[in-house]
C-alpha atoms as a PDB file:
ATOM      1  CA  MET A   1     -10.718  44.686   2.275  1.00  0.00           C
ATOM      2  CA  TRP A   2     -12.726  45.222  -0.884  1.00  0.00           C
ATOM      3  CA  HIS A   3     -16.518  45.800  -0.732  1.00  0.00           C
ATOM      4  CA  SER A   4     -18.949  45.357  -3.565  1.00  0.00           C
ATOM      5  CA  GLY A   5     -22.584  45.416  -2.602  1.00  0.00           C
ATOM      6  CA  PRO A   6     -23.705  42.716  -0.182  1.00  0.00           C
ATOM      7  CA  PHE A   7     -20.665  40.543  -0.994  1.00  0.00           C
ATOM      8  CA  ARG A   8     -17.266  41.005   0.584  1.00  0.00           C
ATOM      9  CA  TYR A   9     -13.982  39.612  -0.493  1.00  0.00           C
ATOM     10  CA  ASP A  10     -11.311  39.290   2.126  1.00  0.00           C
ATOM     11  CA  MET A  11      -7.763  38.514   1.009  1.00  0.00           C
ATOM     12  CA  LYS A  12      -7.371  36.289   4.088  1.00  0.00           C
ATOM     13  CA  ARG A  13     -10.216  34.009   2.963  1.00  0.00           C
ATOM     14  CA  PRO A  14      -8.433  31.919   0.289  1.00  0.00           C
ATOM     15  CA  ARG A  15      -6.893  29.732   3.018  1.00  0.00           C
ATOM     16  CA  SER A  16     -10.360  28.681   4.251  1.00  0.00           C
ATOM     17  CA  ASN A  17     -11.400  28.065   0.641  1.00  0.00           C
ATOM     18  CA  ARG A  18      -8.477  25.662   0.300  1.00  0.00           C
ATOM     19  CA  ARG A  19      -9.595  23.977   3.510  1.00  0.00           C
ATOM     20  CA  THR A  20     -13.136  23.650   2.145  1.00  0.00           C
ATOM     21  CA  ILE A  21     -11.867  22.207  -1.130  1.00  0.00           C
ATOM     22  CA  PHE A  22      -9.694  19.763   0.820  1.00  0.00           C
ATOM     23  CA  ARG A  23     -12.698  18.693   2.916  1.00  0.00           C
ATOM     24  CA  ILE A  24     -14.821  18.161  -0.191  1.00  0.00           C
ATOM     25  CA  ALA A  25     -12.037  16.132  -1.837  1.00  0.00           C
ATOM     26  CA  ALA A  26     -11.609  14.053   1.336  1.00  0.00           C
ATOM     27  CA  GLY A  27     -15.367  13.452   1.427  1.00  0.00           C
ATOM     28  CA  ILE A  28     -15.396  12.333  -2.203  1.00  0.00           C
ATOM     29  CA  LEU A  29     -12.445  10.017  -1.558  1.00  0.00           C
ATOM     30  CA  LEU A  30     -14.206   8.554   1.485  1.00  0.00           C
ATOM     31  CA  LEU A  31     -17.339   8.029  -0.612  1.00  0.00           C
ATOM     32  CA  PHE A  32     -15.316   6.119  -3.238  1.00  0.00           C
ATOM     33  CA  VAL A  33     -13.719   3.959  -0.527  1.00  0.00           C
ATOM     34  CA  VAL A  34     -17.136   3.142   0.957  1.00  0.00           C
ATOM     35  CA  LEU A  35     -18.591   2.366  -2.483  1.00  0.00           C
ATOM     36  CA  ALA A  36     -15.615   0.117  -3.287  1.00  0.00           C
ATOM     37  CA  ALA A  37     -16.061  -1.736   0.012  1.00  0.00           C
ATOM     38  CA  LEU A  38     -19.778  -2.190  -0.682  1.00  0.00           C
ATOM     39  CA  ALA A  39     -19.001  -3.461  -4.182  1.00  0.00           C
ATOM     40  CA  LEU A  40     -16.734  -6.111  -2.666  1.00  0.00           C
ATOM     41  CA  LEU A  41     -19.500  -7.075  -0.268  1.00  0.00           C
ATOM     42  CA  ALA A  42     -22.182  -7.045  -2.963  1.00  0.00           C
ATOM     43  CA  THR A  43     -21.519 -10.568  -4.124  1.00  0.00           C
ATOM     44  CA  ARG A  44     -22.658 -13.366  -1.853  1.00  0.00           C
ATOM     45  CA  PRO A  45     -20.385 -16.351  -1.311  1.00  0.00           C
ATOM     46  CA  VAL A  46     -21.422 -19.077  -3.743  1.00  0.00           C
ATOM     47  CA  ASP A  47     -21.672 -21.917  -1.253  1.00  0.00           C
ATOM     48  CA  VAL A  48     -23.780 -20.041   1.342  1.00  0.00           C
ATOM     49  CA  ILE A  49     -27.536 -20.317   0.805  1.00  0.00           C
ATOM     50  CA  GLU A  50     -30.273 -18.276   2.459  1.00  0.00           C
ATOM     51  CA  VAL A  51     -32.944 -20.556   3.933  1.00  0.00           C
ATOM     52  CA  PRO A  52     -36.030 -20.004   6.102  1.00  0.00           C
ATOM     53  CA  PRO A  53     -35.220 -20.041   9.825  1.00  0.00           C
ATOM     54  CA  PRO A  54     -35.640 -23.642  11.036  1.00  0.00           C
ATOM     55  CA  GLU A  55     -38.930 -24.077  12.887  1.00  0.00           C
ATOM     56  CA  ASP A  56     -37.899 -27.311  14.617  1.00  0.00           C
ATOM     57  CA  SER A  57     -35.027 -25.687  16.507  1.00  0.00           C
ATOM     58  CA  LEU A  58     -34.375 -23.671  19.653  1.00  0.00           C
ATOM     59  CA  ILE A  59     -34.629 -20.402  17.746  1.00  0.00           C
ATOM     60  CA  GLY A  60     -37.821 -21.632  16.070  1.00  0.00           C
ATOM     61  CA  ALA A  61     -39.283 -22.479  19.493  1.00  0.00           C
ATOM     62  CA  LEU A  62     -39.207 -18.755  20.340  1.00  0.00           C
ATOM     63  CA  GLY A  63     -42.334 -18.581  18.188  1.00  0.00           C
ATOM     64  CA  PRO A  64     -43.696 -15.849  15.978  1.00  0.00           C
ATOM     65  CA  GLY A  65     -43.221 -12.199  16.770  1.00  0.00           C
ATOM     66  CA  ALA A  66     -39.763 -11.537  15.378  1.00  0.00           C
ATOM     67  CA  ASP A  67     -39.363  -8.177  13.698  1.00  0.00           C
ATOM     68  CA  TYR A  68     -36.621  -9.676  11.551  1.00  0.00           C
ATOM     69  CA  ALA A  69     -35.332 -13.221  11.028  1.00  0.00           C
ATOM     70  CA  ASP A  70     -32.939 -14.864   8.616  1.00  0.00           C
ATOM     71  CA  ALA A  71     -30.947 -18.065   8.300  1.00  0.00           C
ATOM     72  CA  TRP A  72     -27.944 -19.077   6.218  1.00  0.00           C
ATOM     73  CA  LEU A  73     -26.853 -22.629   5.374  1.00  0.00           C
ATOM     74  CA  ILE A  74     -23.500 -23.988   4.294  1.00  0.00           C
ATOM     75  CA  GLU A  75     -22.222 -27.537   3.846  1.00  0.00           C
ATOM     76  CA  VAL A  76     -19.612 -28.466   6.461  1.00  0.00           C
ATOM     77  CA  PRO A  77     -16.525 -30.206   5.092  1.00  0.00           C
ATOM     78  CA  HIS A  78     -15.968 -33.678   6.521  1.00  0.00           C
ATOM     79  CA  GLY A  79     -14.036 -33.625   9.800  1.00  0.00           C
ATOM     80  CA  LEU A  80     -14.305 -29.877  10.383  1.00  0.00           C
ATOM     81  CA  PHE A  81     -16.332 -29.574  13.600  1.00  0.00           C
ATOM     82  CA  SER A  82     -16.624 -32.287  16.215  1.00  0.00           C
ATOM     83  CA  ASP A  83     -19.757 -30.739  17.751  1.00  0.00           C
ATOM     84  CA  VAL A  84     -21.903 -27.602  17.845  1.00  0.00           C
ATOM     85  CA  GLU A  85     -19.672 -26.111  20.554  1.00  0.00           C
ATOM     86  CA  ALA A  86     -16.780 -26.091  18.067  1.00  0.00           C
ATOM     87  CA  PHE A  87     -19.019 -24.326  15.525  1.00  0.00           C
ATOM     88  CA  TYR A  88     -19.919 -21.702  18.149  1.00  0.00           C
ATOM     89  CA  ARG A  89     -16.249 -21.167  19.083  1.00  0.00           C
ATOM     90  CA  ALA A  90     -15.387 -20.547  15.413  1.00  0.00           C
ATOM     91  CA  SER A  91     -17.658 -17.490  15.370  1.00  0.00           C
ATOM     92  CA  PRO A  92     -15.942 -14.101  15.694  1.00  0.00           C
ATOM     93  CA  GLU A  93     -19.000 -12.802  17.589  1.00  0.00           C
ATOM     94  CA  ARG A  94     -20.161 -14.936  20.505  1.00  0.00           C
ATOM     95  CA  PRO A  95     -23.078 -13.524  22.461  1.00  0.00           C
ATOM     96  CA  PRO A  96     -23.801 -15.270  25.796  1.00  0.00           C
ATOM     97  CA  ILE A  97     -25.366 -18.729  25.487  1.00  0.00           C
ATOM     98  CA  VAL A  98     -28.917 -18.956  26.842  1.00  0.00           C
ATOM     99  CA  GLU A  99     -29.866 -22.471  25.768  1.00  0.00           C
ATOM    100  CA  ARG A 100     -28.284 -25.493  24.126  1.00  0.00           C
ATOM    101  CA  SER A 101     -29.112 -28.894  22.728  1.00  0.00           C
ATOM    102  CA  GLU A 102     -26.999 -31.614  21.160  1.00  0.00           C
ATOM    103  CA  GLU A 103     -27.265 -29.945  17.720  1.00  0.00           C
ATOM    104  CA  GLU A 104     -27.789 -26.256  18.526  1.00  0.00           C
ATOM    105  CA  ILE A 105     -26.580 -23.366  20.655  1.00  0.00           C
ATOM    106  CA  LEU A 106     -28.876 -20.381  21.147  1.00  0.00           C
ATOM    107  CA  ALA A 107     -27.177 -17.148  22.162  1.00  0.00           C
ATOM    108  CA  ARG A 108     -28.749 -13.812  23.032  1.00  0.00           C
ATOM    109  CA  GLY A 109     -27.471 -10.265  22.901  1.00  0.00           C
ATOM    110  CA  SER A 110     -28.753  -6.725  22.814  1.00  0.00           C
ATOM    111  CA  ALA A 111     -28.056  -3.534  20.920  1.00  0.00           C
ATOM    112  CA  PRO A 112     -29.580  -0.069  21.286  1.00  0.00           C
ATOM    113  CA  GLY A 113     -33.341  -0.592  21.443  1.00  0.00           C
ATOM    114  CA  LEU A 114     -33.404  -4.245  20.376  1.00  0.00           C
ATOM    115  CA  ASP A 115     -32.715  -7.806  21.445  1.00  0.00           C
ATOM    116  CA  TYR A 116     -31.265 -10.415  19.116  1.00  0.00           C
ATOM    117  CA  TRP A 117     -30.791 -14.159  19.159  1.00  0.00           C
ATOM    118  CA  VAL A 118     -28.237 -16.117  17.170  1.00  0.00           C
ATOM    119  CA  SER A 119     -28.597 -19.849  16.570  1.00  0.00           C
ATOM    120  CA  TYR A 120     -25.617 -22.048  15.739  1.00  0.00           C
ATOM    121  CA  LEU A 121     -27.085 -25.289  14.385  1.00  0.00           C
ATOM    122  CA  LEU A 122     -25.278 -28.364  13.044  1.00  0.00           C
ATOM    123  CA  GLN A 123     -27.477 -30.900  11.251  1.00  0.00           C
ATOM    124  CA  ASP A 124     -26.747 -34.141   9.497  1.00  0.00           C
ATOM    125  CA  GLY A 125     -28.576 -34.418   6.208  1.00  0.00           C
ATOM    126  CA  SER A 126     -28.860 -36.994   3.465  1.00  0.00           C
ATOM    127  CA  ARG A 127     -25.975 -35.368   1.550  1.00  0.00           C
ATOM    128  CA  GLY A 128     -23.681 -34.516   4.463  1.00  0.00           C
ATOM    129  CA  ARG A 129     -23.432 -32.204   7.435  1.00  0.00           C
ATOM    130  CA  TYR A 130     -24.772 -28.665   7.358  1.00  0.00           C
ATOM    131  CA  ALA A 131     -24.220 -25.570   9.470  1.00  0.00           C
ATOM    132  CA  ILE A 132     -27.105 -23.120   9.797  1.00  0.00           C
ATOM    133  CA  LEU A 133     -26.569 -19.691  11.308  1.00  0.00           C
ATOM    134  CA  SER A 134     -29.885 -17.991  12.159  1.00  0.00           C
ATOM    135  CA  THR A 135     -30.611 -14.517  13.465  1.00  0.00           C
ATOM    136  CA  ARG A 136     -33.779 -13.223  15.135  1.00  0.00           C
ATOM    137  CA  VAL A 137     -34.328  -9.560  16.047  1.00  0.00           C
ATOM    138  CA  GLU A 138     -37.050  -8.002  18.212  1.00  0.00           C
ATOM    139  CA  TYR A 139     -37.346  -4.263  18.679  1.00  0.00           C
ATOM    140  CA  ARG A 140     -37.816  -2.867  22.192  1.00  0.00           C
ATOM    141  CA  ALA A 141     -38.072   0.777  21.154  1.00  0.00           C
ATOM    142  CA  ALA A 142     -38.200   3.017  18.093  1.00  0.00           C
ATOM    143  CA  VAL A 143     -34.452   3.520  18.328  1.00  0.00           C
ATOM    144  CA  GLY A 144     -34.050  -0.241  17.799  1.00  0.00           C
ATOM    145  CA  ARG A 145     -36.038  -0.083  14.575  1.00  0.00           C
ATOM    146  CA  LEU A 146     -33.964   2.884  13.417  1.00  0.00           C
ATOM    147  CA  TYR A 147     -30.709   1.161  14.427  1.00  0.00           C
ATOM    148  CA  PHE A 148     -31.513  -2.084  12.620  1.00  0.00           C
ATOM    149  CA  THR A 149     -32.768  -0.250   9.530  1.00  0.00           C
ATOM    150  CA  ALA A 150     -29.223   1.081   9.182  1.00  0.00           C
ATOM    151  CA  VAL A 151     -27.571  -2.234  10.117  1.00  0.00           C
ATOM    152  CA  ARG A 152     -29.749  -4.627   8.065  1.00  0.00           C
ATOM    153  CA  PRO A 153     -28.069  -4.184   4.644  1.00  0.00           C
ATOM    154  CA  VAL A 154     -24.639  -4.667   6.197  1.00  0.00           C
ATOM    155  CA  HIS A 155     -25.902  -7.642   8.257  1.00  0.00           C
ATOM    156  CA  ARG A 156     -27.234  -9.377   5.140  1.00  0.00           C
ATOM    157  CA  ARG A 157     -23.865  -9.023   3.408  1.00  0.00           C
ATOM    158  CA  ILE A 158     -21.560  -9.791   6.315  1.00  0.00           C
ATOM    159  CA  VAL A 159     -23.279 -12.829   7.875  1.00  0.00           C
ATOM    160  CA  PRO A 160     -22.856 -15.112   4.802  1.00  0.00           C
ATOM    161  CA  ARG A 161     -19.194 -14.135   4.583  1.00  0.00           C
ATOM    162  CA  MET A 162     -18.728 -14.678   8.294  1.00  0.00           C
ATOM    163  CA  LEU A 163     -20.306 -18.133   8.007  1.00  0.00           C
ATOM    164  CA  GLN A 164     -18.067 -19.039   5.092  1.00  0.00           C
ATOM    165  CA  ARG A 165     -15.004 -17.777   6.964  1.00  0.00           C
ATOM    166  CA  MET A 166     -15.972 -19.786  10.063  1.00  0.00           C
ATOM    167  CA  LEU A 167     -15.720 -22.919   7.925  1.00  0.00           C
ATOM    168  CA  THR A 168     -12.660 -21.992   5.890  1.00  0.00           C
ATOM    169  CA  HIS A 169     -10.604 -20.577   8.808  1.00  0.00           C
ATOM    170  CA  PRO A 170     -11.706 -22.378  11.981  1.00  0.00           C
ATOM    171  CA  PRO A 171      -9.489 -22.413  15.054  1.00  0.00           C
ATOM    172  CA  GLU A 172      -7.080 -25.364  14.776  1.00  0.00           C
ATOM    173  CA  ALA A 173      -8.320 -26.808  18.072  1.00  0.00           C
ATOM    174  CA  ASP A 174     -11.800 -27.206  16.553  1.00  0.00           C
ATOM    175  CA  ARG A 175     -10.780 -29.514  13.729  1.00  0.00           C
ATOM    176  CA  GLU A 176     -11.567 -33.148  14.252  1.00  0.00           C
ATOM    177  CA  PRO A 177      -8.513 -35.433  14.413  1.00  0.00           C
ATOM    178  CA  SER A 178      -7.634 -36.675  10.944  1.00  0.00           C
ATOM    179  CA  GLY A 179      -6.908 -40.179  12.165  1.00  0.00           C
ATOM    180  CA  ALA A 180      -3.204 -39.913  11.410  1.00  0.00           C
ATOM    181  CA  ALA A 181      -0.838 -41.461  13.928  1.00  0.00           C
ATOM    182  CA  GLU A 182       0.553 -38.994  16.403  1.00  0.00           C
ATOM    183  CA  GLY A 183       3.932 -39.141  18.124  1.00  0.00           C
ATOM    184  CA  PRO A 184       4.425 -40.339  21.718  1.00  0.00           C
END
């Protein structure tokens, strides 16, 4: 061992220096992977539009008091969903249903320190049929606010993509019959 003032140099230490350098390199690589993933998520699907949460709906009937609310709209291709139940089944995340109407399913879930509601709404408009996916969040505790502060940016990027994917890759059983003749 060699001593020089308050600093010591131990010949056995270079191995831990290599380990430290490896950890730093792995951290930098992980950072680049995360940044690349965020760059892919940075662009919003073109056909998904952010809209105000619908007031004349089950989720709108919950009234004011949400700590966070958003809604996303997309045009539904003709013959895709026979009813709102099919739209709900196409979702990769299906919290338990708490209320339903002919056009809408309202589901409710919870996460650490918060409650959330998700509305699956199918509406016929003047230019076709539309699907609206709405989210409402209410904090129960400070940990909920902290949790959703971390989740919000990811939520705002993932939900439009999820909605688009629900329409472009629905379960085959949820497609309306095309009207073609079927075998016996």
